[in-house]
């Protein structure tokens, strides 16, 4: 079975940082473009960022550009999202995903 397990969420004050991780199993990790998607309370899913198979290319939503950095370690089957300068509007459940699979999310809450 394919599993994408996100972790690293939590409660952080505005301006703070968090690093999310997503460990994949049951799939050829380096064959997939990987993405982070989030869903804020009462809102639709929002694409956050994607990274190419080899990690050399990345793209970001305008709302997070310059603050978030996506990366991956194909040897460890792990995807990361470094989130800096967090804002209350970043509060959401964050999911890692491929075109075919979604994982369980991790809650990020930005509040003072």
Protein backbone atom coordinates (compact mmCIF):
# COMPACT_ATOMS: atom_id res chain seq x y z
CA UNK A 1 0.00 0.00 0.00
CA UNK A 2 1.11 3.52 -0.73
CA UNK A 3 1.57 5.70 2.33
CA UNK A 4 2.44 9.38 2.49
CA UNK A 5 2.84 10.35 6.13
CA UNK A 6 3.19 14.05 6.89
CA UNK A 7 4.58 15.27 10.19
CA UNK A 8 6.10 18.32 11.82
CA UNK A 9 3.02 20.46 12.25
CA UNK A 10 2.15 22.29 15.43
CA UNK A 11 1.36 25.60 17.04
CA UNK A 12 3.69 28.48 16.26
CA UNK A 13 3.57 32.23 16.79
CA UNK A 14 3.36 34.63 13.86
CA UNK A 15 6.79 35.12 12.39
CA UNK A 16 7.92 31.70 13.49
CA UNK A 17 9.10 28.70 11.52
CA UNK A 18 8.21 25.06 11.07
CA UNK A 19 9.61 22.26 8.95
CA UNK A 20 7.20 19.70 7.63
CA UNK A 21 8.28 16.25 6.50
CA UNK A 22 6.50 13.64 4.43
CA UNK A 23 7.79 10.09 4.35
CA UNK A 24 6.66 7.96 1.44
CA UNK A 25 6.44 4.19 1.16
CA UNK A 26 5.01 1.74 -1.32
CA UNK A 27 5.87 3.79 -4.40
CA UNK A 28 8.88 4.74 -6.50
CA UNK A 29 9.35 8.08 -4.80
CA UNK A 30 11.85 9.48 -7.28
CA UNK A 31 9.44 8.83 -10.16
CA UNK A 32 6.96 11.40 -8.88
CA UNK A 33 6.67 15.13 -8.86
CA UNK A 34 5.76 15.85 -5.25
CA UNK A 35 3.55 18.60 -3.92
CA UNK A 36 2.26 20.19 -0.76
CA UNK A 37 -1.40 21.17 -0.60
CA UNK A 38 -3.22 22.77 2.30
CA UNK A 39 -6.77 23.29 3.48
CA UNK A 40 -7.65 26.08 5.85
CA UNK A 41 -10.76 25.82 8.03
CA UNK A 42 -13.88 26.32 5.94
CA UNK A 43 -11.92 26.84 2.74
CA UNK A 44 -11.08 24.89 -0.39
CA UNK A 45 -7.84 23.03 -0.90
CA UNK A 46 -4.98 25.29 -1.97
CA UNK A 47 -1.90 24.17 -3.84
CA UNK A 48 1.23 25.37 -2.01
CA UNK A 49 4.30 24.07 -3.81
CA UNK A 50 5.66 21.36 -6.08
CA UNK A 51 9.11 19.95 -6.73
CA UNK A 52 10.49 18.05 -9.70
CA UNK A 53 11.54 14.42 -9.57
CA UNK A 54 15.21 15.21 -9.15
CA UNK A 55 14.62 18.16 -6.86
CA UNK A 56 16.17 20.70 -9.20
CA UNK A 57 12.97 22.55 -9.99
CA UNK A 58 10.34 23.99 -7.66
CA UNK A 59 7.29 26.20 -7.90
CA UNK A 60 5.29 28.06 -5.30
CA UNK A 61 1.94 29.70 -4.81
CA UNK A 62 2.21 33.47 -4.67
CA UNK A 63 0.90 33.38 -1.11
CA UNK A 64 3.99 31.52 0.13
CA UNK A 65 6.69 32.55 -2.33
CA UNK A 66 9.79 33.82 -0.57
CA UNK A 67 8.74 32.32 2.75
CA UNK A 68 8.44 28.58 2.07
CA UNK A 69 11.03 26.23 0.58
CA UNK A 70 10.25 22.77 -0.73
CA UNK A 71 12.92 20.09 -0.95
CA UNK A 72 13.26 16.34 -1.17
CA UNK A 73 15.69 13.57 -0.31
CA UNK A 74 15.12 10.72 -2.74
CA UNK A 75 17.50 8.46 -0.84
CA UNK A 76 15.24 8.77 2.19
CA UNK A 77 11.92 8.87 0.28
CA UNK A 78 11.16 12.10 2.10
CA UNK A 79 9.66 15.42 1.08
CA UNK A 80 10.14 18.60 3.13
CA UNK A 81 8.56 22.02 3.45
CA UNK A 82 10.51 24.68 5.33
CA UNK A 83 8.07 27.39 6.38
CA UNK A 84 9.43 30.71 7.61
CA UNK A 85 7.80 34.02 8.52
CA UNK A 86 4.56 32.21 9.21
CA UNK A 87 1.32 34.17 9.21
CA UNK A 88 -2.06 33.38 10.78
CA UNK A 89 -3.44 32.83 7.27
CA UNK A 90 -1.02 29.90 6.89
CA UNK A 91 -3.10 28.00 9.45
CA UNK A 92 -4.30 24.85 7.70
CA UNK A 93 -3.94 21.11 7.43
CA UNK A 94 -0.98 20.44 5.15
CA UNK A 95 -0.90 17.39 2.90
CA UNK A 96 1.80 15.91 0.73
CA UNK A 97 0.60 14.53 -2.54
CA UNK A 98 1.44 13.11 -5.92
CA UNK A 99 -0.77 13.10 -8.97
CA UNK A 100 -2.02 9.69 -7.87
CA UNK A 101 -1.82 9.68 -4.08
CA UNK A 102 -2.53 11.87 -1.07
CA UNK A 103 -1.32 11.36 2.47
CA UNK A 104 -2.70 12.13 5.87
CA UNK A 105 -2.21 15.74 6.74
CA UNK A 106 -0.49 17.56 9.55
CA UNK A 107 -2.06 20.53 11.31
CA UNK A 108 -0.25 23.86 11.30
CA UNK A 109 -1.65 26.59 13.54
CA UNK A 110 -0.17 30.08 13.52
CA UNK A 111 -1.44 32.09 16.44
CA UNK A 112 -0.23 34.29 19.24
